[in-house]
């Protein structure tokens, strides 16, 4: 099951990063912040997501997107996998093994 969760997290991260650099970002950011901030720190998570988006936009503008986008996907995949594993085992702060 771990491989399936990791594959799902990778796919979700790719979608997340794609949304960050699209016009749909403003619409989806708050919903994603609620998803990531299960403990109620939505404003902090929203700021973190905005910072990540700003990094992606800057990377795209400077031509560094081919390097930066995969790194961001990897980071977000790890976060999503941690949330998924936490849900599966009942621990909010669990990380994928």
PDB file of N, CA and C in Angstrom:
ATOM      1  N   UNK A   1       0.811  -1.193   0.000  1.00  0.00           N
ATOM      2  CA  UNK A   1       0.000   0.000   0.000  1.00  0.00           C
ATOM      3  C   UNK A   1       0.857   1.260   0.000  1.00  0.00           C
ATOM      4  N   UNK A   2       2.053   1.166   0.543  1.00  0.00           N
ATOM      5  CA  UNK A   2       2.938   2.327   0.609  1.00  0.00           C
ATOM      6  C   UNK A   2       3.280   2.834  -0.795  1.00  0.00           C
ATOM      7  N   UNK A   3       3.543   1.941  -1.726  1.00  0.00           N
ATOM      8  CA  UNK A   3       3.871   2.352  -3.088  1.00  0.00           C
ATOM      9  C   UNK A   3       2.704   3.085  -3.737  1.00  0.00           C
ATOM     10  N   UNK A   4       1.495   2.611  -3.463  1.00  0.00           N
ATOM     11  CA  UNK A   4       0.314   3.275  -4.029  1.00  0.00           C
ATOM     12  C   UNK A   4       0.139   4.679  -3.453  1.00  0.00           C
ATOM     13  N   UNK A   5       0.360   4.825  -2.146  1.00  0.00           N
ATOM     14  CA  UNK A   5       0.260   6.147  -1.513  1.00  0.00           C
ATOM     15  C   UNK A   5       1.313   7.094  -2.074  1.00  0.00           C
ATOM     16  N   UNK A   6       2.515   6.592  -2.278  1.00  0.00           N
ATOM     17  CA  UNK A   6       3.581   7.424  -2.820  1.00  0.00           C
ATOM     18  C   UNK A   6       3.257   7.848  -4.251  1.00  0.00           C
ATOM     19  N   UNK A   7       2.702   6.939  -5.047  1.00  0.00           N
ATOM     20  CA  UNK A   7       2.321   7.277  -6.421  1.00  0.00           C
ATOM     21  C   UNK A   7       1.203   8.321  -6.426  1.00  0.00           C
ATOM     22  N   UNK A   8       0.232   8.136  -5.552  1.00  0.00           N
ATOM     23  CA  UNK A   8      -0.868   9.097  -5.442  1.00  0.00           C
ATOM     24  C   UNK A   8      -0.352  10.461  -4.992  1.00  0.00           C
ATOM     25  N   UNK A   9       0.532  10.468  -4.012  1.00  0.00           N
ATOM     26  CA  UNK A   9       1.105  11.727  -3.526  1.00  0.00           C
ATOM     27  C   UNK A   9       1.897  12.422  -4.623  1.00  0.00           C
ATOM     28  N   UNK A  10       2.623  11.660  -5.416  1.00  0.00           N
ATOM     29  CA  UNK A  10       3.384  12.242  -6.524  1.00  0.00           C
ATOM     30  C   UNK A  10       2.474  12.883  -7.554  1.00  0.00           C
ATOM     31  N   UNK A  11       1.401  12.205  -7.873  1.00  0.00           N
ATOM     32  CA  UNK A  11       0.433  12.741  -8.827  1.00  0.00           C
ATOM     33  C   UNK A  11      -0.230  14.005  -8.277  1.00  0.00           C
ATOM     34  N   UNK A  12      -0.601  13.957  -7.006  1.00  0.00           N
ATOM     35  CA  UNK A  12      -1.226  15.122  -6.371  1.00  0.00           C
ATOM     36  C   UNK A  12      -0.264  16.306  -6.337  1.00  0.00           C
ATOM     37  N   UNK A  13       0.995  16.041  -6.055  1.00  0.00           N
ATOM     38  CA  UNK A  13       1.987  17.114  -6.009  1.00  0.00           C
ATOM     39  C   UNK A  13       2.178  17.753  -7.378  1.00  0.00           C
ATOM     40  N   UNK A  14       2.207  16.943  -8.418  1.00  0.00           N
ATOM     41  CA  UNK A  14       2.346  17.474  -9.771  1.00  0.00           C
ATOM     42  C   UNK A  14       1.160  18.373 -10.110  1.00  0.00           C
ATOM     43  N   UNK A  15      -0.032  17.943  -9.728  1.00  0.00           N
ATOM     44  CA  UNK A  15      -1.229  18.747  -9.950  1.00  0.00           C
ATOM     45  C   UNK A  15      -1.166  20.035  -9.143  1.00  0.00           C
ATOM     46  N   UNK A  16      -0.746  19.932  -7.887  1.00  0.00           N
ATOM     47  CA  UNK A  16      -0.629  21.108  -7.016  1.00  0.00           C
ATOM     48  C   UNK A  16       0.314  22.136  -7.610  1.00  0.00           C
ATOM     49  N   UNK A  17       1.483  21.701  -8.036  1.00  0.00           N
ATOM     50  CA  UNK A  17       2.466  22.618  -8.602  1.00  0.00           C
ATOM     51  C   UNK A  17       1.922  23.232  -9.899  1.00  0.00           C
ATOM     52  N   UNK A  18       1.228  22.441 -10.688  1.00  0.00           N
ATOM     53  CA  UNK A  18       0.605  22.978 -11.895  1.00  0.00           C
ATOM     54  C   UNK A  18      -0.413  24.059 -11.584  1.00  0.00           C
ATOM     55  N   UNK A  19      -1.193  23.847 -10.544  1.00  0.00           N
ATOM     56  CA  UNK A  19      -2.172  24.860 -10.133  1.00  0.00           C
ATOM     57  C   UNK A  19      -1.502  26.126  -9.621  1.00  0.00           C
ATOM     58  N   UNK A  20      -0.360  25.960  -8.949  1.00  0.00           N
ATOM     59  CA  UNK A  20       0.341  27.111  -8.390  1.00  0.00           C
ATOM     60  C   UNK A  20       0.746  28.107  -9.476  1.00  0.00           C
ATOM     61  N   UNK A  21       1.053  27.622 -10.653  1.00  0.00           N
ATOM     62  CA  UNK A  21       1.518  28.525 -11.704  1.00  0.00           C
ATOM     63  C   UNK A  21       0.424  28.813 -12.727  1.00  0.00           C
ATOM     64  N   UNK A  22      -0.813  28.546 -12.365  1.00  0.00           N
ATOM     65  CA  UNK A  22      -1.932  28.804 -13.278  1.00  0.00           C
ATOM     66  C   UNK A  22      -2.809  29.936 -12.744  1.00  0.00           C
ATOM     67  N   UNK A  23      -3.751  30.331 -13.547  1.00  0.00           N
ATOM     68  CA  UNK A  23      -4.706  31.362 -13.135  1.00  0.00           C
ATOM     69  C   UNK A  23      -5.703  30.838 -12.112  1.00  0.00           C
ATOM     70  N   UNK A  24      -5.769  29.543 -11.915  1.00  0.00           N
ATOM     71  CA  UNK A  24      -6.706  28.942 -10.961  1.00  0.00           C
ATOM     72  C   UNK A  24      -6.207  28.996  -9.527  1.00  0.00           C
ATOM     73  N   UNK A  25      -5.006  29.496  -9.300  1.00  0.00           N
ATOM     74  CA  UNK A  25      -4.399  29.427  -7.977  1.00  0.00           C
ATOM     75  C   UNK A  25      -5.218  30.145  -6.910  1.00  0.00           C
ATOM     76  N   UNK A  26      -5.667  31.335  -7.195  1.00  0.00           N
ATOM     77  CA  UNK A  26      -6.413  32.105  -6.190  1.00  0.00           C
ATOM     78  C   UNK A  26      -7.655  31.344  -5.734  1.00  0.00           C
ATOM     79  N   UNK A  27      -8.270  30.645  -6.637  1.00  0.00           N
ATOM     80  CA  UNK A  27      -9.490  29.895  -6.322  1.00  0.00           C
ATOM     81  C   UNK A  27      -9.209  28.658  -5.467  1.00  0.00           C
ATOM     82  N   UNK A  28      -8.081  28.018  -5.691  1.00  0.00           N
ATOM     83  CA  UNK A  28      -7.809  26.746  -5.010  1.00  0.00           C
ATOM     84  C   UNK A  28      -6.954  26.869  -3.758  1.00  0.00           C
ATOM     85  N   UNK A  29      -6.250  27.981  -3.583  1.00  0.00           N
ATOM     86  CA  UNK A  29      -5.302  28.116  -2.462  1.00  0.00           C
ATOM     87  C   UNK A  29      -5.957  27.900  -1.099  1.00  0.00           C
ATOM     88  N   UNK A  30      -7.085  28.535  -0.855  1.00  0.00           N
ATOM     89  CA  UNK A  30      -7.731  28.424   0.453  1.00  0.00           C
ATOM     90  C   UNK A  30      -8.165  26.990   0.745  1.00  0.00           C
ATOM     91  N   UNK A  31      -8.660  26.310  -0.260  1.00  0.00           N
ATOM     92  CA  UNK A  31      -9.069  24.914  -0.067  1.00  0.00           C
ATOM     93  C   UNK A  31      -7.867  24.026   0.230  1.00  0.00           C
ATOM     94  N   UNK A  32      -6.774  24.266  -0.463  1.00  0.00           N
ATOM     95  CA  UNK A  32      -5.565  23.497  -0.204  1.00  0.00           C
ATOM     96  C   UNK A  32      -4.998  23.808   1.175  1.00  0.00           C
ATOM     97  N   UNK A  33      -5.072  25.058   1.586  1.00  0.00           N
ATOM     98  CA  UNK A  33      -4.584  25.426   2.922  1.00  0.00           C
ATOM     99  C   UNK A  33      -5.376  24.679   3.989  1.00  0.00           C
ATOM    100  N   UNK A  34      -6.685  24.582   3.811  1.00  0.00           N
ATOM    101  CA  UNK A  34      -7.502  23.829   4.778  1.00  0.00           C
ATOM    102  C   UNK A  34      -7.116  22.360   4.783  1.00  0.00           C
ATOM    103  N   UNK A  35      -6.832  21.816   3.610  1.00  0.00           N
ATOM    104  CA  UNK A  35      -6.433  20.411   3.511  1.00  0.00           C
ATOM    105  C   UNK A  35      -5.114  20.166   4.239  1.00  0.00           C
ATOM    106  N   UNK A  36      -4.122  21.017   3.971  1.00  0.00           N
ATOM    107  CA  UNK A  36      -2.814  20.841   4.598  1.00  0.00           C
ATOM    108  C   UNK A  36      -2.817  21.188   6.081  1.00  0.00           C
ATOM    109  N   UNK A  37      -3.660  22.106   6.503  1.00  0.00           N
ATOM    110  CA  UNK A  37      -3.647  22.610   7.878  1.00  0.00           C
ATOM    111  C   UNK A  37      -4.726  21.950   8.720  1.00  0.00           C
ATOM    112  N   UNK A  38      -4.671  20.663   8.840  1.00  0.00           N
ATOM    113  CA  UNK A  38      -5.685  19.951   9.617  1.00  0.00           C
ATOM    114  C   UNK A  38      -5.702  20.411  11.066  1.00  0.00           C
ATOM    115  N   UNK A  39      -4.616  20.997  11.542  1.00  0.00           N
ATOM    116  CA  UNK A  39      -4.557  21.440  12.937  1.00  0.00           C
ATOM    117  C   UNK A  39      -5.095  22.857  13.115  1.00  0.00           C
ATOM    118  N   UNK A  40      -5.522  23.499  12.043  1.00  0.00           N
ATOM    119  CA  UNK A  40      -6.126  24.818  12.153  1.00  0.00           C
ATOM    120  C   UNK A  40      -5.208  25.982  11.835  1.00  0.00           C
ATOM    121  N   UNK A  41      -4.019  25.748  11.347  1.00  0.00           N
ATOM    122  CA  UNK A  41      -3.072  26.818  11.019  1.00  0.00           C
ATOM    123  C   UNK A  41      -3.202  27.210   9.548  1.00  0.00           C
ATOM    124  N   UNK A  42      -4.427  27.453   9.104  1.00  0.00           N
ATOM    125  CA  UNK A  42      -4.680  27.718   7.687  1.00  0.00           C
ATOM    126  C   UNK A  42      -3.939  28.936   7.166  1.00  0.00           C
ATOM    127  N   UNK A  43      -3.904  30.021   7.925  1.00  0.00           N
ATOM    128  CA  UNK A  43      -3.240  31.239   7.462  1.00  0.00           C
ATOM    129  C   UNK A  43      -1.751  31.005   7.230  1.00  0.00           C
ATOM    130  N   UNK A  44      -1.124  30.285   8.141  1.00  0.00           N
ATOM    131  CA  UNK A  44       0.301  29.982   8.001  1.00  0.00           C
ATOM    132  C   UNK A  44       0.558  29.111   6.775  1.00  0.00           C
ATOM    133  N   UNK A  45      -0.269  28.107   6.583  1.00  0.00           N
ATOM    134  CA  UNK A  45      -0.128  27.222   5.430  1.00  0.00           C
ATOM    135  C   UNK A  45      -0.369  27.996   4.141  1.00  0.00           C
ATOM    136  N   UNK A  46      -1.369  28.872   4.137  1.00  0.00           N
ATOM    137  CA  UNK A  46      -1.655  29.684   2.953  1.00  0.00           C
ATOM    138  C   UNK A  46      -0.450  30.554   2.596  1.00  0.00           C
ATOM    139  N   UNK A  47       0.213  31.118   3.601  1.00  0.00           N
ATOM    140  CA  UNK A  47       1.410  31.923   3.345  1.00  0.00           C
ATOM    141  C   UNK A  47       2.530  31.061   2.776  1.00  0.00           C
ATOM    142  N   UNK A  48       2.677  29.848   3.303  1.00  0.00           N
ATOM    143  CA  UNK A  48       3.692  28.925   2.802  1.00  0.00           C
ATOM    144  C   UNK A  48       3.413  28.560   1.344  1.00  0.00           C
ATOM    145  N   UNK A  49       2.146  28.308   1.028  1.00  0.00           N
ATOM    146  CA  UNK A  49       1.773  27.988  -0.345  1.00  0.00           C
ATOM    147  C   UNK A  49       2.021  29.179  -1.268  1.00  0.00           C
ATOM    148  N   UNK A  50       1.718  30.385  -0.801  1.00  0.00           N
ATOM    149  CA  UNK A  50       1.977  31.578  -1.608  1.00  0.00           C
ATOM    150  C   UNK A  50       3.471  31.772  -1.852  1.00  0.00           C
ATOM    151  N   UNK A  51       4.281  31.493  -0.841  1.00  0.00           N
ATOM    152  CA  UNK A  51       5.733  31.593  -0.997  1.00  0.00           C
ATOM    153  C   UNK A  51       6.222  30.594  -2.033  1.00  0.00           C
ATOM    154  N   UNK A  52       5.716  29.361  -1.953  1.00  0.00           N
ATOM    155  CA  UNK A  52       6.092  28.334  -2.930  1.00  0.00           C
ATOM    156  C   UNK A  52       5.672  28.758  -4.329  1.00  0.00           C
ATOM    157  N   UNK A  53       4.490  29.325  -4.449  1.00  0.00           N
ATOM    158  CA  UNK A  53       4.018  29.800  -5.753  1.00  0.00           C
ATOM    159  C   UNK A  53       4.921  30.906  -6.278  1.00  0.00           C
ATOM    160  N   UNK A  54       5.291  31.846  -5.418  1.00  0.00           N
ATOM    161  CA  UNK A  54       6.168  32.941  -5.841  1.00  0.00           C
ATOM    162  C   UNK A  54       7.509  32.399  -6.345  1.00  0.00           C
ATOM    163  N   UNK A  55       8.020  31.372  -5.684  1.00  0.00           N
ATOM    164  CA  UNK A  55       9.270  30.746  -6.123  1.00  0.00           C
ATOM    165  C   UNK A  55       9.104  30.125  -7.511  1.00  0.00           C
ATOM    166  N   UNK A  56       7.970  29.463  -7.735  1.00  0.00           N
ATOM    167  CA  UNK A  56       7.727  28.840  -9.029  1.00  0.00           C
ATOM    168  C   UNK A  56       7.580  29.879 -10.137  1.00  0.00           C
ATOM    169  N   UNK A  57       6.855  30.953  -9.852  1.00  0.00           N
ATOM    170  CA  UNK A  57       6.670  32.013 -10.849  1.00  0.00           C
ATOM    171  C   UNK A  57       8.022  32.648 -11.184  1.00  0.00           C
ATOM    172  N   UNK A  58       8.823  32.909 -10.165  1.00  0.00           N
ATOM    173  CA  UNK A  58      10.149  33.492 -10.395  1.00  0.00           C
ATOM    174  C   UNK A  58      11.026  32.538 -11.203  1.00  0.00           C
ATOM    175  N   UNK A  59      10.952  31.249 -10.887  1.00  0.00           N
ATOM    176  CA  UNK A  59      11.738  30.263 -11.629  1.00  0.00           C
ATOM    177  C   UNK A  59      11.306  30.213 -13.091  1.00  0.00           C
ATOM    178  N   UNK A  60      10.016  30.324 -13.324  1.00  0.00           N
ATOM    179  CA  UNK A  60       9.518  30.315 -14.699  1.00  0.00           C
ATOM    180  C   UNK A  60      10.004  31.555 -15.452  1.00  0.00           C
ATOM    181  N   UNK A  61       9.989  32.696 -14.776  1.00  0.00           N
ATOM    182  CA  UNK A  61      10.408  33.942 -15.418  1.00  0.00           C
ATOM    183  C   UNK A  61      11.903  33.991 -15.709  1.00  0.00           C
ATOM    184  N   UNK A  62      12.709  33.305 -14.900  1.00  0.00           N
ATOM    185  CA  UNK A  62      14.162  33.309 -15.106  1.00  0.00           C
ATOM    186  C   UNK A  62      14.641  32.111 -15.912  1.00  0.00           C
ATOM    187  N   UNK A  63      13.718  31.257 -16.314  1.00  0.00           N
ATOM    188  CA  UNK A  63      14.095  30.089 -17.099  1.00  0.00           C
ATOM    189  C   UNK A  63      14.589  28.922 -16.265  1.00  0.00           C
ATOM    190  N   UNK A  64      14.422  28.997 -14.957  1.00  0.00           N
ATOM    191  CA  UNK A  64      14.893  27.939 -14.057  1.00  0.00           C
ATOM    192  C   UNK A  64      13.795  26.919 -13.739  1.00  0.00           C
ATOM    193  N   UNK A  65      12.659  27.020 -14.393  1.00  0.00           N
ATOM    194  CA  UNK A  65      11.543  26.121 -14.105  1.00  0.00           C
ATOM    195  C   UNK A  65      11.894  24.647 -14.299  1.00  0.00           C
ATOM    196  N   UNK A  66      12.666  24.269 -15.335  1.00  0.00           N
ATOM    197  CA  UNK A  66      12.977  22.842 -15.492  1.00  0.00           C
ATOM    198  C   UNK A  66      13.684  22.223 -14.288  1.00  0.00           C
ATOM    199  N   UNK A  67      14.404  23.031 -13.535  1.00  0.00           N
ATOM    200  CA  UNK A  67      15.059  22.543 -12.325  1.00  0.00           C
ATOM    201  C   UNK A  67      14.162  22.679 -11.111  1.00  0.00           C
ATOM    202  N   UNK A  68      13.513  23.817 -10.989  1.00  0.00           N
ATOM    203  CA  UNK A  68      12.757  24.130  -9.778  1.00  0.00           C
ATOM    204  C   UNK A  68      11.441  23.370  -9.671  1.00  0.00           C
ATOM    205  N   UNK A  69      10.751  23.167 -10.769  1.00  0.00           N
ATOM    206  CA  UNK A  69       9.452  22.495 -10.721  1.00  0.00           C
ATOM    207  C   UNK A  69       9.576  21.066 -10.187  1.00  0.00           C
ATOM    208  N   UNK A  70      10.512  20.247 -10.674  1.00  0.00           N
ATOM    209  CA  UNK A  70      10.631  18.896 -10.095  1.00  0.00           C
ATOM    210  C   UNK A  70      10.975  18.900  -8.601  1.00  0.00           C
ATOM    211  N   UNK A  71      11.796  19.866  -8.174  1.00  0.00           N
ATOM    212  CA  UNK A  71      12.123  19.960  -6.748  1.00  0.00           C
ATOM    213  C   UNK A  71      10.880  20.281  -5.933  1.00  0.00           C
ATOM    214  N   UNK A  72      10.063  21.210  -6.419  1.00  0.00           N
ATOM    215  CA  UNK A  72       8.843  21.592  -5.721  1.00  0.00           C
ATOM    216  C   UNK A  72       7.866  20.416  -5.698  1.00  0.00           C
ATOM    217  N   UNK A  73       7.778  19.691  -6.800  1.00  0.00           N
ATOM    218  CA  UNK A  73       6.908  18.507  -6.840  1.00  0.00           C
ATOM    219  C   UNK A  73       7.346  17.487  -5.787  1.00  0.00           C
ATOM    220  N   UNK A  74       8.633  17.299  -5.664  1.00  0.00           N
ATOM    221  CA  UNK A  74       9.152  16.354  -4.681  1.00  0.00           C
ATOM    222  C   UNK A  74       8.818  16.789  -3.255  1.00  0.00           C
ATOM    223  N   UNK A  75       8.997  18.074  -2.967  1.00  0.00           N
ATOM    224  CA  UNK A  75       8.680  18.592  -1.630  1.00  0.00           C
ATOM    225  C   UNK A  75       7.200  18.422  -1.309  1.00  0.00           C
ATOM    226  N   UNK A  76       6.352  18.800  -2.239  1.00  0.00           N
ATOM    227  CA  UNK A  76       4.908  18.713  -2.007  1.00  0.00           C
ATOM    228  C   UNK A  76       4.454  17.257  -1.951  1.00  0.00           C
ATOM    229  N   UNK A  77       5.082  16.400  -2.722  1.00  0.00           N
ATOM    230  CA  UNK A  77       4.756  14.977  -2.674  1.00  0.00           C
ATOM    231  C   UNK A  77       5.040  14.407  -1.285  1.00  0.00           C
ATOM    232  N   UNK A  78       6.163  14.806  -0.704  1.00  0.00           N
ATOM    233  CA  UNK A  78       6.507  14.360   0.643  1.00  0.00           C
ATOM    234  C   UNK A  78       5.474  14.842   1.655  1.00  0.00           C
ATOM    235  N   UNK A  79       5.040  16.096   1.525  1.00  0.00           N
ATOM    236  CA  UNK A  79       4.022  16.620   2.440  1.00  0.00           C
ATOM    237  C   UNK A  79       2.706  15.864   2.289  1.00  0.00           C
ATOM    238  N   UNK A  80       2.291  15.652   1.059  1.00  0.00           N
ATOM    239  CA  UNK A  80       1.024  14.956   0.814  1.00  0.00           C
ATOM    240  C   UNK A  80       1.104  13.518   1.274  1.00  0.00           C
ATOM    241  N   UNK A  81       2.225  12.878   1.031  1.00  0.00           N
ATOM    242  CA  UNK A  81       2.407  11.491   1.470  1.00  0.00           C
ATOM    243  C   UNK A  81       2.361  11.417   2.991  1.00  0.00           C
ATOM    244  N   UNK A  82       2.969  12.382   3.661  1.00  0.00           N
ATOM    245  CA  UNK A  82       2.924  12.418   5.121  1.00  0.00           C
ATOM    246  C   UNK A  82       1.504  12.549   5.638  1.00  0.00           C
ATOM    247  N   UNK A  83       0.711  13.381   4.977  1.00  0.00           N
ATOM    248  CA  UNK A  83      -0.693  13.517   5.374  1.00  0.00           C
ATOM    249  C   UNK A  83      -1.448  12.221   5.128  1.00  0.00           C
ATOM    250  N   UNK A  84      -1.204  11.601   3.996  1.00  0.00           N
ATOM    251  CA  UNK A  84      -1.893  10.350   3.659  1.00  0.00           C
ATOM    252  C   UNK A  84      -1.512   9.238   4.620  1.00  0.00           C
ATOM    253  N   UNK A  85      -0.227   9.119   4.895  1.00  0.00           N
ATOM    254  CA  UNK A  85       0.215   8.091   5.834  1.00  0.00           C
ATOM    255  C   UNK A  85      -0.320   8.372   7.227  1.00  0.00           C
ATOM    256  N   UNK A  86      -0.372   9.640   7.592  1.00  0.00           N
ATOM    257  CA  UNK A  86      -0.931  10.013   8.887  1.00  0.00           C
ATOM    258  C   UNK A  86      -2.383   9.613   8.984  1.00  0.00           C
ATOM    259  N   UNK A  87      -3.138   9.836   7.914  1.00  0.00           N
ATOM    260  CA  UNK A  87      -4.539   9.437   7.907  1.00  0.00           C
ATOM    261  C   UNK A  87      -4.675   7.923   7.989  1.00  0.00           C
ATOM    262  N   UNK A  88      -3.807   7.215   7.286  1.00  0.00           N
ATOM    263  CA  UNK A  88      -3.903   5.757   7.236  1.00  0.00           C
ATOM    264  C   UNK A  88      -3.577   5.120   8.579  1.00  0.00           C
ATOM    265  N   UNK A  89      -2.609   5.694   9.304  1.00  0.00           N
ATOM    266  CA  UNK A  89      -2.211   5.074  10.567  1.00  0.00           C
ATOM    267  C   UNK A  89      -2.755   5.810  11.784  1.00  0.00           C
ATOM    268  N   UNK A  90      -3.444   6.941  11.544  1.00  0.00           N
ATOM    269  CA  UNK A  90      -4.069   7.646  12.653  1.00  0.00           C
ATOM    270  C   UNK A  90      -3.191   8.672  13.335  1.00  0.00           C
ATOM    271  N   UNK A  91      -2.042   8.973  12.782  1.00  0.00           N
ATOM    272  CA  UNK A  91      -1.143   9.970  13.363  1.00  0.00           C
ATOM    273  C   UNK A  91      -1.051  11.154  12.437  1.00  0.00           C
ATOM    274  N   UNK A  92      -1.369  12.336  12.908  1.00  0.00           N
ATOM    275  CA  UNK A  92      -1.376  13.524  12.071  1.00  0.00           C
ATOM    276  C   UNK A  92       0.013  13.903  11.573  1.00  0.00           C
ATOM    277  N   UNK A  93       1.052  13.547  12.325  1.00  0.00           N
ATOM    278  CA  UNK A  93       2.389  13.963  11.936  1.00  0.00           C
ATOM    279  C   UNK A  93       3.230  12.831  11.356  1.00  0.00           C
ATOM    280  N   UNK A  94       2.592  11.773  10.944  1.00  0.00           N
ATOM    281  CA  UNK A  94       3.311  10.624  10.416  1.00  0.00           C
ATOM    282  C   UNK A  94       3.962  10.976   9.077  1.00  0.00           C
ATOM    283  N   UNK A  95       5.102  10.378   8.833  1.00  0.00           N
ATOM    284  CA  UNK A  95       5.774  10.541   7.544  1.00  0.00           C
ATOM    285  C   UNK A  95       5.841   9.202   6.840  1.00  0.00           C
ATOM    286  N   UNK A  96       5.925   9.244   5.543  1.00  0.00           N
ATOM    287  CA  UNK A  96       6.026   7.993   4.788  1.00  0.00           C
ATOM    288  C   UNK A  96       7.345   7.324   5.100  1.00  0.00           C
ATOM    289  N   UNK A  97       7.307   6.043   5.135  1.00  0.00           N
ATOM    290  CA  UNK A  97       8.532   5.276   5.445  1.00  0.00           C
ATOM    291  C   UNK A  97       9.125   4.702   4.192  1.00  0.00           C
TER     292      UNK A  97
END
